[in-house]
Structure formats: structure tokens, C-alpha cells
Amino acid sequence: MVLEKLKPEIVWNIFEHVIAKTPRPSHHEEMIRNKIKSWLIEQSRKNDLDFTINEDSVGNILIRKPASRGMELAPSLMFQAHVDMVCETDRTEGFDFMNSGIPIRIQDNGEWLDADGTTLGADDGIGVALALAALVDQSIKAHGPIEVLLTVNEEDGFDGATLLDPQALDIQSKLMINLDGGPFGDIVVGSVCGRRIRFSKKFNWIACKESDELEFYEISVQGLLSGHSGEDINLPRANANKLIGRIISNISQEMKIFVSKWQGGTKSNVIPAKSSIILGIASKNNQKFNELLNEEISSLIQYYEKFEPNMKINFKKALPRKHLTEEESKLLISTINIIPHGVLKISSIYDKFIESSNNLAIINTENDDEIIWLYPRSMIRSELNTFCVSMKQLGEIGGWKVFLRPILPEWLPDLESKLINYVKTEYEGLLKTPVKTTVIHGGLETGMINTKINGLQMVSLGPTVEGLHSPSEKLKIADIEVLYTLIKKLIENILKLNQ
């Protein structure tokens, strides 16, 4: 027991014993889905609660609780969260996310909750816990119909939202509160669209021969802060793939480079924390190579010392191995160096908002079908399309096959929404301070769900979570008691919505 002394007990109990203890990587949500269903059945039997549980073909779950007596005419209110999590670790021995629960712990004198060497999964496990608590909390005496929609695979493609079947789930609500937002004190009313891009190419690998007189080196970048490729993209954080690309591009101006292996990044929505390359150079260039490499490392460490305090750039001799030709090596290195990463444009419409960005997410020469993955985002659909076209053109010039995954829709603010005004009024009444509505540069399922349910009004709420999608992820504990109080008020006062 780690969280037994935290308030509200009902939320933290669910988070620790249902969510954190159950493995739930994206694409592998079977265990958490089964755990939630069995837990709901147990709660129903123990406390004489009435639930209906529906599922669709992709694995989304819709739980419905009927209105309490006298509240049958109240509008149905739906809470939505996703059950999967990004699985990242900085443990040297790795971590088995498929079979192990998350090693949660309380840090900083009780201010923050994090995990020991892994992502915490507060994104969006705490949203699931808040929603489930609202379903079973017997202190909520007066309530209209409550629905909880739990989606699968939000983190790697929005499959749950994209394939959502409202009819199979029998969704009845026209009011939805997404619990994947934040930070605390904000009401999210809009989010960007995004589209994953894959570059693939069949390379010709050449066996290394003694007569080639090549020496091989492995260069690695690791220890970067990483983070969410949307919400953290404006922070001064390095991208390990881009650092390797910069180093090798500069060195390649002085000598021939033969790429043997390049791997960096793990998820398209995570800023790469580490990347490594194995390459060959002519033996006669050994001294020059070492000089140039040390210069590059020195300049990068000097530049990033305040932003990336744990950055490590190492190199060592490697065994000879198969490699690309000079021309194909140059193509790969140049492509990585040219593809932009980071903020592409600041909005001229929304004050200080990042309009467009790109994450150069993954490089993997071990799989010829998926060598490079990008994840661009934009608030403006046409700007996203324009960037995707430019990447397709870049790929075509180099003979790459460029595959564009479906667009994940933007969520445009509707500031006339009665739900927004209702939530804002209740939130401000609770905090005794003004609450701002905001648009985020992350992708939320709300945009896709909005295309599935006509007339849906939506807001998104959440606590303060820092270090999303990285092993430094942490959740501010005090936010949860206030947020849960707000959720209860929104349920109990739902008749105020139309006043």
C-alpha cells in the first residue's frame, strides 16, 4: 500500500489497486479491460449498484449508471478517458511493462506522485480512476444518468476513438467531459490535429571486407529529458535523433561515412531520449574523425548544459559489420538532418499558441519497412496538410516511400457551449478564482469522438502532470482532491446546465 493516506481515498484506491497494478501498454489493453470489468461487477455485488456495461468490436467500454430517483429527466453526462499508457523506462536493466505493475511512489514531501524509473501512467490512468470513482461513490446521492467511456490505444494512433461504435456502445450522452486534459485550473476547449508519417526504403547492405580498410564506431546520445511530442515540443529539449544527424552531417562534409545501424526513439508521440548509430570510416581518417567528433560533442554539451543536464554523448570502437554504400548513407543522413523538428509556427490567431510542430520520432534501420517516423501537428488542418505534402516531396526526391496515416481531427473551440459555461462557473466557484479556457497543442480523442456523435458538447479537465511520456512523469497529488470535488459538483448540479 502506497497511497492509502491520500484523499480522496476512493480515487487513489482505484488508481493504485486497479490501474497501476495492471499492465496496460498501447495495443495490449486486454488485462486492464478485464480488470475494470471484474472490479465493476465486484462493486455492483458488494454495494448493490446498477451498471450496464457495453463493448464495441475494437475494445472500447461504455458503462452506464441510471439516474437516481427524481433525476430521471436530467441530461446524461459522460466522462471519457483512455486505458492505455506510454511505456518508457530509463532503468539500465529495462522494465517488463507487459507483465509488471507500475512501481509508484510518493516524492517531494508528499507533493508529487511518480514511478521508480518508468512512466507513471497518470496519462490517462488518473482520468480512468476519477471516472470510475464517480460511478461507484455512494456519497453522490442525486445524479442524472452517468456514462463512462473508456477507449483503447489512444497513445499510438487513436484506434479506440477512430473505430468507436456509438451504436454498439449505445451512447446516449450529448455532454462529455474528457479527463485527459490539464493542467489543473484550466478548462481545455480545443486541441490540434495530427498525422503520423512513415518513410520506408529498401536499402542495399554490403558485407564488410578487409580490403575496404574501414574502422567502425558506435556513437550514442542518451539521458535526454524527452517528453510529450505535443505539449513539450516548445521546451528547450534536445531530440536524440537530430543530435546524431547533426553530428554525422557535419563530419560527412570532411570524409565518407558508411552507416551500418541507426536506432533512435521508441514512440511517435515521444521526443526521442536516446539514439545510437554504428558507422564506418576509412582507416586513414581515424585521427580526423576523432577530432571532429570531439569538437561536435563539446559544442553540443556546451549549448545544452542548462537544458539537458543529464545528456551523455559517448563513442567507442565497434566490430566491422554490413553497411550502406556512401550514396545511401548520405541519403539517410541528409534526410534526417533536413527533416525539421520542434515548433514550426506560432499562431497569429491564438495568443502565444504553437500552431504547428513536428517530432522526428523514430529511426530504425533494422526494419526496412519502417525506417523513419514523424508526427506533425497543427491547429489548422490546411497547415498540417501543407507540411505533409512537403515531407512527401522530400521523400520522393530521395526515392523514399512515404506513407501518411489518417488525420487525427482537430477540436475547434465552441465558446458558446452551455457545457463550457457550466463547467467554468462550477470550477470558479470551487477555486474562488477565475478559470481560463485554453487550447492545447496535444492531440485529444475529443476531436475524433466529436465526428462520431452528433451534437456533442465537450470540455477536457485534468490535474497537473509533468514529464508526460517520459520516465520523469509525475502527478501533483493535491490537484486530485479538488478535481474530484469538481466532478461530484458537476454531477450533482447538472440541472443548473440549462438555467
Protein backbone atom coordinates (compact mmCIF):
# COMPACT_ATOMS: atom_id res chain seq x y z
CA MET A 1 0.00 0.00 0.00
CA VAL A 2 1.48 3.31 -1.10
CA LEU A 3 -1.44 5.70 -1.43
CA GLU A 4 -3.74 4.67 1.44
CA LYS A 5 -3.35 8.00 3.29
CA LEU A 6 -4.16 10.21 0.30
CA LYS A 7 -7.50 11.92 -0.21
CA PRO A 8 -9.94 11.24 -1.77
CA GLU A 9 -9.40 7.65 -0.73
CA ILE A 10 -11.83 6.26 -3.31
CA VAL A 11 -9.86 7.70 -6.25
CA TRP A 12 -6.40 6.76 -5.02
CA ASN A 13 -7.53 3.25 -4.12
CA ILE A 14 -8.71 2.72 -7.70
CA PHE A 15 -5.56 4.24 -9.16
CA GLU A 16 -3.24 2.07 -7.06
CA HIS A 17 -5.08 -1.26 -7.00
CA VAL A 18 -6.96 -1.29 -10.31
CA ILE A 19 -4.92 0.92 -12.63
CA ALA A 20 -1.25 0.98 -11.56
CA LYS A 21 -1.09 -2.74 -10.70
CA THR A 22 -2.44 -3.83 -14.08
CA PRO A 23 -0.26 -3.83 -17.22
CA ARG A 24 -1.76 -1.65 -19.98
CA PRO A 25 0.62 -0.87 -22.85
CA SER A 26 -0.97 0.51 -26.02
CA HIS A 27 -2.30 -2.33 -28.23
CA HIS A 28 -2.33 -4.62 -25.17
CA GLU A 29 -5.29 -3.46 -23.10
CA GLU A 30 -6.85 -6.88 -22.50
CA MET A 31 -5.68 -7.11 -18.89
CA ILE A 32 -6.83 -3.65 -17.85
CA ARG A 33 -10.17 -4.03 -19.64
CA ASN A 34 -10.81 -7.34 -17.87
CA LYS A 35 -9.66 -5.90 -14.55
CA ILE A 36 -12.02 -2.94 -14.82
CA LYS A 37 -14.99 -5.13 -15.77
CA SER A 38 -14.38 -7.62 -12.95
CA TRP A 39 -13.89 -4.76 -10.49
CA LEU A 40 -17.18 -3.17 -11.57
CA ILE A 41 -19.03 -6.46 -11.13
CA GLU A 42 -17.50 -6.81 -7.68
CA GLN A 43 -18.56 -3.26 -6.75
CA SER A 44 -22.05 -3.90 -8.07
CA ARG A 45 -22.48 -7.01 -5.92
CA LYS A 46 -20.88 -5.53 -2.83
CA ASN A 47 -22.76 -2.21 -2.83
CA ASP A 48 -25.93 -3.12 -4.75
CA LEU A 49 -25.07 -0.78 -7.66
CA ASP A 50 -26.77 -0.87 -11.04
CA PHE A 51 -24.48 -0.75 -14.09
CA THR A 52 -24.81 -1.59 -17.76
CA ILE A 53 -21.54 -2.49 -19.50
CA ASN A 54 -21.30 -2.44 -23.30
CA GLU A 55 -18.30 -3.04 -25.57
CA ASP A 56 -17.63 -2.47 -29.24
CA SER A 57 -15.52 -4.52 -31.63
CA VAL A 58 -12.29 -2.59 -31.03
CA GLY A 59 -12.47 -2.95 -27.24
CA ASN A 60 -13.92 0.36 -26.06
CA ILE A 61 -16.08 0.08 -22.94
CA LEU A 62 -19.20 2.11 -22.09
CA ILE A 63 -20.50 1.87 -18.53
CA ARG A 64 -23.91 3.38 -17.76
CA LYS A 65 -25.40 4.14 -14.37
CA PRO A 66 -29.08 5.12 -14.36
CA ALA A 67 -30.32 8.33 -12.76
CA SER A 68 -31.17 8.44 -9.09
CA ARG A 69 -34.82 8.76 -8.13
CA GLY A 70 -36.19 12.18 -9.07
CA MET A 71 -33.32 12.90 -11.52
CA GLU A 72 -34.59 10.85 -14.44
CA LEU A 73 -35.11 13.94 -16.63
CA ALA A 74 -31.61 15.30 -16.05
CA PRO A 75 -29.31 15.22 -19.08
CA SER A 76 -26.95 12.27 -19.37
CA LEU A 77 -23.34 13.20 -18.55
CA MET A 78 -20.43 11.16 -19.94
CA PHE A 79 -16.87 11.05 -18.60
CA GLN A 80 -14.22 9.81 -21.03
CA ALA A 81 -10.64 8.59 -20.60
CA HIS A 82 -8.27 6.14 -22.28
CA VAL A 83 -6.99 3.00 -20.60
CA ASP A 84 -3.60 2.59 -22.31
CA MET A 85 -0.33 4.27 -21.36
CA VAL A 86 3.03 5.15 -22.88
CA CYS A 87 5.64 2.70 -21.59
CA GLU A 88 9.10 4.24 -21.21
CA THR A 89 11.89 3.44 -18.79
CA ASP A 90 15.37 4.73 -18.03
CA ARG A 91 16.30 1.69 -15.96
CA THR A 92 19.51 0.16 -17.29
CA GLU A 93 18.00 -3.31 -16.89
CA GLY A 94 14.80 -2.26 -18.67
CA PHE A 95 11.27 -2.89 -17.40
CA ASP A 96 8.68 -5.53 -18.28
CA PHE A 97 5.56 -3.41 -18.89
CA MET A 98 3.69 -6.42 -20.28
CA ASN A 99 3.79 -8.34 -17.01
CA SER A 100 4.52 -5.84 -14.24
CA GLY A 101 2.57 -3.13 -12.48
CA ILE A 102 3.94 0.39 -12.26
CA PRO A 103 6.29 1.00 -9.27
CA ILE A 104 4.50 4.10 -7.95
CA ARG A 105 5.94 6.20 -5.15
CA ILE A 106 5.29 9.49 -3.32
CA GLN A 107 8.01 12.11 -3.70
CA ASP A 108 8.96 15.66 -2.63
CA ASN A 109 7.40 15.59 0.84
CA GLY A 110 4.09 14.32 -0.45
CA GLU A 111 3.66 16.87 -3.23
CA TRP A 112 4.12 14.59 -6.24
CA LEU A 113 3.42 11.02 -7.28
CA ASP A 114 5.80 9.38 -9.75
CA ALA A 115 7.21 5.96 -10.63
CA ASP A 116 10.62 4.48 -9.92
CA GLY A 117 12.37 4.59 -13.29
CA THR A 118 9.32 4.33 -15.53
CA THR A 119 6.46 6.37 -16.86
CA LEU A 120 3.77 6.77 -14.21
CA GLY A 121 0.75 6.24 -16.44
CA ALA A 122 -1.16 9.15 -14.91
CA ASP A 123 -1.78 9.85 -18.60
CA ASP A 124 -4.53 8.75 -18.52
CA GLY A 125 -4.79 6.34 -15.61
CA ILE A 126 -5.80 9.09 -13.21
CA GLY A 127 -8.61 10.06 -15.58
CA VAL A 128 -9.86 6.47 -15.56
CA ALA A 129 -9.67 6.40 -11.75
CA LEU A 130 -11.63 9.66 -11.43
CA ALA A 131 -14.34 8.41 -13.80
CA LEU A 132 -14.70 5.02 -12.11
CA ALA A 133 -14.82 6.66 -8.68
CA ALA A 134 -17.74 8.82 -9.80
CA LEU A 135 -19.60 5.67 -10.82
CA VAL A 136 -19.28 3.85 -7.51
CA ASP A 137 -19.20 6.72 -5.00
CA GLN A 138 -22.27 6.25 -2.81
CA SER A 139 -21.90 9.74 -1.34
CA ILE A 140 -23.21 11.12 -4.66
CA LYS A 141 -26.91 10.89 -3.79
CA ALA A 142 -28.52 12.96 -6.59
CA HIS A 143 -27.38 12.36 -10.15
CA GLY A 144 -28.74 12.12 -13.64
CA PRO A 145 -27.70 9.28 -15.96
CA ILE A 146 -23.91 8.85 -15.87
CA GLU A 147 -21.87 7.23 -18.63
CA VAL A 148 -18.17 6.43 -18.60
CA LEU A 149 -16.46 5.83 -21.94
CA LEU A 150 -13.07 4.10 -21.73
CA THR A 151 -11.17 3.92 -25.01
CA VAL A 152 -8.23 1.80 -26.14
CA ASN A 153 -4.96 2.69 -27.86
CA GLU A 154 -5.09 6.46 -27.62
CA GLU A 155 -1.33 6.77 -27.42
CA ASP A 156 -0.36 5.04 -30.67
CA GLY A 157 -2.95 6.00 -33.23
CA PHE A 158 -6.26 6.85 -31.53
CA ASP A 159 -7.63 3.47 -32.62
CA GLY A 160 -10.30 3.43 -29.93
CA ALA A 161 -11.67 6.85 -30.87
CA THR A 162 -11.24 6.28 -34.62
CA LEU A 163 -13.12 2.97 -34.57
CA LEU A 164 -15.61 4.00 -31.90
CA ASP A 165 -19.05 2.49 -32.48
CA PRO A 166 -21.61 4.65 -30.61
CA GLN A 167 -24.46 2.33 -31.62
CA ALA A 168 -22.82 -0.84 -30.31
CA LEU A 169 -21.97 1.02 -27.11
CA ASP A 170 -25.43 2.59 -27.00
CA ILE A 171 -24.03 6.01 -26.07
CA GLN A 172 -26.86 8.30 -25.00
CA SER A 173 -24.99 11.37 -23.71
CA LYS A 174 -24.65 14.66 -25.58
CA LEU A 175 -22.45 16.13 -22.83
CA MET A 176 -18.90 14.81 -22.42
CA ILE A 177 -16.10 15.62 -20.02
CA ASN A 178 -12.79 14.26 -21.23
CA LEU A 179 -10.42 13.58 -18.29
CA ASP A 180 -7.18 13.66 -20.28
CA GLY A 181 -6.67 17.43 -20.13
CA GLY A 182 -4.83 19.80 -17.84
CA PRO A 183 -3.06 21.49 -16.30
CA PHE A 184 -5.06 21.97 -13.14
CA GLY A 185 -7.05 25.19 -13.13
CA ASP A 186 -7.60 25.24 -16.90
CA ILE A 187 -10.56 24.08 -18.95
CA VAL A 188 -9.39 22.69 -22.27
CA VAL A 189 -11.82 23.56 -25.08
CA GLY A 190 -9.75 22.69 -28.16
CA SER A 191 -6.80 20.67 -29.44
CA VAL A 192 -4.74 20.23 -32.59
CA CYS A 193 -4.92 17.73 -35.42
CA GLY A 194 -2.03 15.43 -36.21
CA ARG A 195 -0.87 12.85 -38.72
CA ARG A 196 1.87 10.26 -38.44
CA ILE A 197 4.22 9.94 -41.44
CA ARG A 198 6.38 6.93 -42.26
CA PHE A 199 9.42 6.91 -44.56
CA SER A 200 10.43 3.47 -45.80
CA LYS A 201 13.07 2.26 -48.22
CA LYS A 202 14.72 -1.00 -49.19
CA PHE A 203 18.43 -0.39 -48.71
CA ASN A 204 21.24 -2.47 -50.18
CA TRP A 205 23.50 -3.71 -47.41
CA ILE A 206 27.11 -4.53 -48.24
CA ALA A 207 29.23 -7.04 -46.37
CA CYS A 208 32.38 -5.51 -44.86
CA LYS A 209 35.62 -6.80 -46.36
CA GLU A 210 39.18 -6.44 -45.06
CA SER A 211 40.18 -4.76 -48.29
CA ASP A 212 37.74 -1.90 -47.55
CA GLU A 213 40.09 -0.72 -44.78
CA LEU A 214 37.19 0.63 -42.71
CA GLU A 215 37.05 1.28 -38.99
CA PHE A 216 33.71 1.22 -37.21
CA TYR A 217 32.45 3.34 -34.35
CA GLU A 218 29.28 3.48 -32.29
CA ILE A 219 28.06 6.93 -31.27
CA SER A 220 25.26 7.18 -28.72
CA VAL A 221 23.20 10.02 -27.28
CA GLN A 222 21.25 9.27 -24.11
CA GLY A 223 19.91 10.76 -20.88
CA LEU A 224 17.75 13.42 -22.53
CA LEU A 225 14.68 14.72 -20.71
CA SER A 226 12.34 13.71 -23.54
CA GLY A 227 8.62 14.42 -23.09
CA HIS A 228 5.29 14.65 -24.89
CA SER A 229 5.77 15.46 -28.56
CA GLY A 230 2.88 17.93 -28.46
CA GLU A 231 2.71 19.56 -25.07
CA ASP A 232 6.50 19.66 -24.51
CA ILE A 233 7.57 20.44 -28.07
CA ASN A 234 8.17 24.13 -27.24
CA LEU A 235 10.52 23.37 -24.36
CA PRO A 236 14.30 23.61 -24.86
CA ARG A 237 14.72 19.86 -25.06
CA ALA A 238 17.03 18.07 -27.42
CA ASN A 239 15.96 15.33 -29.85
CA ALA A 240 18.48 12.48 -29.78
CA ASN A 241 17.87 11.59 -33.44
CA LYS A 242 18.51 15.16 -34.54
CA LEU A 243 21.70 15.36 -32.46
CA ILE A 244 23.09 12.25 -34.15
CA GLY A 245 22.00 13.65 -37.52
CA ARG A 246 23.78 16.93 -36.83
CA ILE A 247 27.00 15.29 -35.67
CA ILE A 248 27.27 12.92 -38.62
CA SER A 249 26.17 15.50 -41.18
CA ASN A 250 28.95 17.86 -40.13
CA ILE A 251 31.56 15.10 -40.11
CA SER A 252 30.40 13.85 -43.51
CA GLN A 253 31.45 17.16 -45.02
CA GLU A 254 35.05 16.11 -44.37
CA MET A 255 35.02 12.37 -45.11
CA LYS A 256 32.95 9.47 -46.38
CA ILE A 257 30.55 7.87 -43.89
CA PHE A 258 29.14 4.34 -44.18
CA VAL A 259 26.08 3.83 -41.99
CA SER A 260 25.79 0.35 -40.53
CA LYS A 261 22.98 0.68 -37.99
CA TRP A 262 20.89 3.57 -36.64
CA GLN A 263 18.25 3.25 -33.95
CA GLY A 264 16.61 6.05 -32.02
CA GLY A 265 13.25 6.82 -30.46
CA THR A 266 10.52 4.42 -29.44
CA LYS A 267 7.12 6.12 -29.89
CA SER A 268 5.87 8.65 -32.42
CA ASN A 269 4.41 10.85 -29.68
CA VAL A 270 7.58 10.88 -27.56
CA ILE A 271 10.54 13.21 -28.09
CA PRO A 272 13.47 10.76 -28.51
CA ALA A 273 15.57 10.49 -25.36
CA LYS A 274 18.28 8.30 -26.89
CA SER A 275 19.67 7.35 -30.25
CA SER A 276 22.72 5.42 -31.44
CA ILE A 277 24.47 4.91 -34.75
CA ILE A 278 27.15 2.48 -35.88
CA LEU A 279 29.16 3.71 -38.86
CA GLY A 280 32.31 3.03 -40.79
CA ILE A 281 35.04 5.43 -41.91
CA ALA A 282 38.24 4.93 -43.87
CA SER A 283 41.04 3.92 -41.50
CA LYS A 284 43.22 6.75 -42.80
CA ASN A 285 40.65 9.25 -41.47
CA ASN A 286 40.70 7.90 -37.93
CA GLN A 287 42.51 10.83 -36.33
CA LYS A 288 40.48 13.46 -38.18
CA PHE A 289 37.25 11.66 -37.30
CA ASN A 290 38.07 11.66 -33.61
CA GLU A 291 38.99 15.34 -33.68
CA LEU A 292 35.78 16.35 -35.45
CA LEU A 293 33.64 14.13 -33.24
CA ASN A 294 35.11 15.57 -30.05
CA GLU A 295 34.52 19.10 -31.36
CA GLU A 296 30.88 18.31 -32.11
CA ILE A 297 30.31 16.70 -28.71
CA SER A 298 31.94 19.61 -26.92
CA SER A 299 29.82 22.21 -28.71
CA LEU A 300 26.58 20.29 -28.05
CA ILE A 301 27.30 19.78 -24.36
CA GLN A 302 28.17 23.46 -24.01
CA TYR A 303 24.95 24.52 -25.75
CA TYR A 304 22.61 22.16 -23.88
CA GLU A 305 24.26 22.13 -20.42
CA LYS A 306 21.44 24.19 -18.85
CA PHE A 307 18.59 22.46 -20.70
CA GLU A 308 19.73 18.83 -20.75
CA PRO A 309 21.76 18.34 -17.54
CA ASN A 310 21.86 14.54 -17.88
CA MET A 311 22.81 14.40 -21.56
CA LYS A 312 25.57 11.95 -22.40
CA ILE A 313 27.23 11.59 -25.80
CA ASN A 314 29.61 8.66 -26.00
CA PHE A 315 31.53 6.89 -28.73
CA LYS A 316 33.56 3.72 -28.92
CA LYS A 317 35.08 1.34 -31.41
CA ALA A 318 32.70 -1.24 -32.91
CA LEU A 319 33.16 -4.50 -34.76
CA PRO A 320 33.10 -4.45 -38.57
CA ARG A 321 29.67 -5.25 -39.98
CA LYS A 322 27.49 -4.83 -43.05
CA HIS A 323 26.89 -1.26 -44.12
CA LEU A 324 25.27 1.01 -46.68
CA THR A 325 27.06 2.48 -49.67
CA GLU A 326 28.40 6.01 -49.42
CA GLU A 327 25.47 7.28 -51.53
CA GLU A 328 22.76 5.56 -49.49
CA SER A 329 24.45 6.58 -46.24
CA LYS A 330 24.48 10.18 -47.44
CA LEU A 331 20.80 9.93 -48.36
CA LEU A 332 19.81 8.65 -44.90
CA ILE A 333 21.97 11.16 -43.04
CA SER A 334 20.78 14.08 -45.19
CA THR A 335 17.11 13.11 -44.84
CA ILE A 336 17.35 13.05 -41.05
CA ASN A 337 19.26 16.32 -40.96
CA ILE A 338 16.80 18.10 -43.26
CA ILE A 339 13.54 16.97 -41.65
CA PRO A 340 12.58 19.71 -39.17
CA HIS A 341 11.91 19.05 -35.52
CA GLY A 342 10.22 21.28 -32.99
CA VAL A 343 7.98 24.31 -33.30
CA LEU A 344 7.27 25.17 -36.93
CA LYS A 345 4.97 28.16 -36.46
CA ILE A 346 3.49 30.28 -33.67
CA SER A 347 -0.20 31.08 -34.11
CA SER A 348 -1.25 34.52 -35.28
CA ILE A 349 -4.82 33.73 -34.12
CA TYR A 350 -4.42 32.32 -30.61
CA ASP A 351 -2.06 34.34 -28.41
CA LYS A 352 1.29 32.62 -27.79
CA PHE A 353 -0.09 29.29 -29.02
CA ILE A 354 2.02 26.86 -31.02
CA GLU A 355 0.19 26.47 -34.29
CA SER A 356 2.33 23.79 -35.94
CA SER A 357 5.12 21.44 -34.90
CA ASN A 358 6.88 18.24 -35.88
CA ASN A 359 8.53 15.42 -33.94
CA LEU A 360 11.25 13.43 -35.71
CA ALA A 361 10.31 10.45 -33.62
CA ILE A 362 11.84 7.15 -34.72
CA ILE A 363 14.76 5.89 -36.80
CA ASN A 364 15.20 2.14 -37.19
CA THR A 365 17.38 0.73 -39.96
CA GLU A 366 16.80 -2.79 -38.64
CA ASN A 367 13.32 -2.78 -40.21
CA ASP A 368 13.30 -1.73 -43.86
CA ASP A 369 9.54 -1.24 -43.81
CA GLU A 370 9.57 1.44 -41.11
CA ILE A 371 12.81 3.39 -41.15
CA ILE A 372 11.67 6.90 -40.15
CA TRP A 373 8.54 8.04 -38.31
CA LEU A 374 7.42 11.66 -37.92
CA TYR A 375 4.49 13.13 -36.03
CA PRO A 376 3.46 16.64 -37.17
CA ARG A 377 0.61 18.54 -35.50
CA SER A 378 -1.25 21.75 -36.26
CA MET A 379 -4.28 23.71 -35.14
CA ILE A 380 -5.00 24.46 -38.79
CA ARG A 381 -5.84 21.46 -41.00
CA SER A 382 -4.53 23.13 -44.16
CA GLU A 383 -1.17 23.86 -42.48
CA LEU A 384 -0.85 20.22 -41.44
CA ASN A 385 -1.67 19.12 -44.99
CA THR A 386 0.90 21.54 -46.42
CA PHE A 387 3.63 20.19 -44.16
CA CYS A 388 2.72 16.60 -45.03
CA VAL A 389 2.96 17.42 -48.74
CA SER A 390 6.41 18.93 -48.21
CA MET A 391 7.56 15.77 -46.42
CA LYS A 392 6.15 13.65 -49.22
CA GLN A 393 8.07 15.74 -51.75
CA LEU A 394 11.24 15.42 -49.71
CA GLY A 395 10.79 11.66 -49.61
CA GLU A 396 10.12 11.37 -53.31
CA ILE A 397 13.32 13.29 -54.15
CA GLY A 398 15.31 10.69 -52.21
CA GLY A 399 13.41 7.69 -53.50
CA TRP A 400 11.62 7.02 -50.22
CA LYS A 401 8.16 5.51 -50.00
CA VAL A 402 6.15 7.92 -47.87
CA PHE A 403 3.02 6.66 -46.11
CA LEU A 404 0.58 9.07 -44.44
CA ARG A 405 -1.61 7.66 -41.70
CA PRO A 406 -5.15 9.05 -41.30
CA ILE A 407 -5.50 12.53 -39.85
CA LEU A 408 -6.45 12.71 -36.20
CA PRO A 409 -9.00 15.56 -36.22
CA GLU A 410 -8.60 18.90 -34.54
CA TRP A 411 -11.07 20.03 -31.90
CA LEU A 412 -12.08 23.61 -32.60
CA PRO A 413 -13.34 25.64 -29.62
CA ASP A 414 -17.07 26.34 -29.29
CA LEU A 415 -17.10 29.11 -26.71
CA GLU A 416 -20.91 29.36 -26.89
CA SER A 417 -21.26 25.85 -25.48
CA LYS A 418 -23.53 25.67 -22.43
CA LEU A 419 -21.36 22.89 -21.05
CA ILE A 420 -18.25 25.10 -21.12
CA ASN A 421 -20.04 27.88 -19.27
CA TYR A 422 -21.48 25.43 -16.73
CA VAL A 423 -18.10 23.81 -16.00
CA LYS A 424 -16.40 27.19 -15.81
CA THR A 425 -18.95 28.51 -13.31
CA GLU A 426 -18.65 25.44 -11.07
CA TYR A 427 -14.83 25.39 -11.29
CA GLU A 428 -14.53 29.08 -10.42
CA GLY A 429 -16.96 28.65 -7.55
CA LEU A 430 -14.80 25.88 -6.16
CA LEU A 431 -11.42 27.60 -6.64
CA LYS A 432 -12.67 31.11 -5.78
CA THR A 433 -10.56 32.41 -8.65
CA PRO A 434 -11.01 32.92 -12.41
CA VAL A 435 -10.52 29.84 -14.57
CA LYS A 436 -9.26 30.18 -18.12
CA THR A 437 -10.32 28.22 -21.17
CA THR A 438 -7.42 27.03 -23.28
CA VAL A 439 -6.47 25.20 -26.45
CA ILE A 440 -3.64 22.67 -26.19
CA HIS A 441 -1.02 21.56 -28.69
CA GLY A 442 -1.55 17.91 -27.78
CA GLY A 443 -3.99 15.65 -29.55
CA LEU A 444 -7.11 14.60 -27.66
CA GLU A 445 -9.67 11.97 -28.58
CA THR A 446 -12.35 14.63 -28.37
CA GLY A 447 -11.77 15.70 -31.98
CA MET A 448 -12.38 12.19 -33.30
CA ILE A 449 -15.23 11.39 -30.91
CA ASN A 450 -16.93 14.62 -31.98
CA THR A 451 -17.13 13.25 -35.53
CA LYS A 452 -18.94 10.14 -34.24
CA ILE A 453 -21.66 11.70 -32.06
CA ASN A 454 -23.81 14.48 -33.50
CA GLY A 455 -24.49 17.47 -31.26
CA LEU A 456 -21.88 16.54 -28.67
CA GLN A 457 -20.70 19.29 -26.30
CA MET A 458 -17.27 18.70 -24.75
CA VAL A 459 -14.71 20.03 -22.31
CA SER A 460 -11.49 18.47 -21.03
CA LEU A 461 -10.17 18.61 -17.47
CA GLY A 462 -7.18 17.20 -15.68
CA PRO A 463 -4.55 17.65 -12.99
CA THR A 464 -1.03 18.95 -13.43
CA VAL A 465 1.12 16.18 -14.88
CA GLU A 466 4.73 16.95 -15.76
CA GLY A 467 7.13 14.91 -17.88
CA LEU A 468 4.38 13.23 -19.91
CA HIS A 469 5.52 10.18 -21.91
CA SER A 470 8.88 10.05 -20.11
CA PRO A 471 10.28 8.31 -17.01
CA SER A 472 10.21 11.71 -15.27
CA GLU A 473 6.39 11.81 -15.46
CA LYS A 474 4.87 12.98 -12.18
CA LEU A 475 1.39 13.91 -10.93
CA LYS A 476 0.60 16.71 -8.49
CA ILE A 477 -1.22 14.97 -5.65
CA ALA A 478 -3.18 17.93 -4.25
CA ASP A 479 -4.94 18.52 -7.56
CA ILE A 480 -6.89 15.27 -7.38
CA GLU A 481 -8.98 16.09 -4.31
CA VAL A 482 -10.09 19.38 -5.88
CA LEU A 483 -10.78 17.81 -9.27
CA TYR A 484 -12.84 15.02 -7.77
CA THR A 485 -14.84 17.54 -5.75
CA LEU A 486 -15.49 19.39 -9.01
CA ILE A 487 -16.61 16.19 -10.74
CA LYS A 488 -19.05 15.47 -7.94
CA LYS A 489 -20.43 19.01 -8.13
CA LEU A 490 -20.85 18.74 -11.90
CA ILE A 491 -22.83 15.53 -11.41
CA GLU A 492 -24.98 16.76 -8.52
CA ASN A 493 -25.74 20.20 -10.02
CA ILE A 494 -26.34 19.07 -13.60
CA LEU A 495 -29.83 20.59 -13.63
CA LYS A 496 -28.17 24.03 -13.49
CA LEU A 497 -26.85 23.48 -17.00
CA ASN A 498 -29.95 24.90 -18.69
CA GLN A 499 -30.68 27.62 -16.16
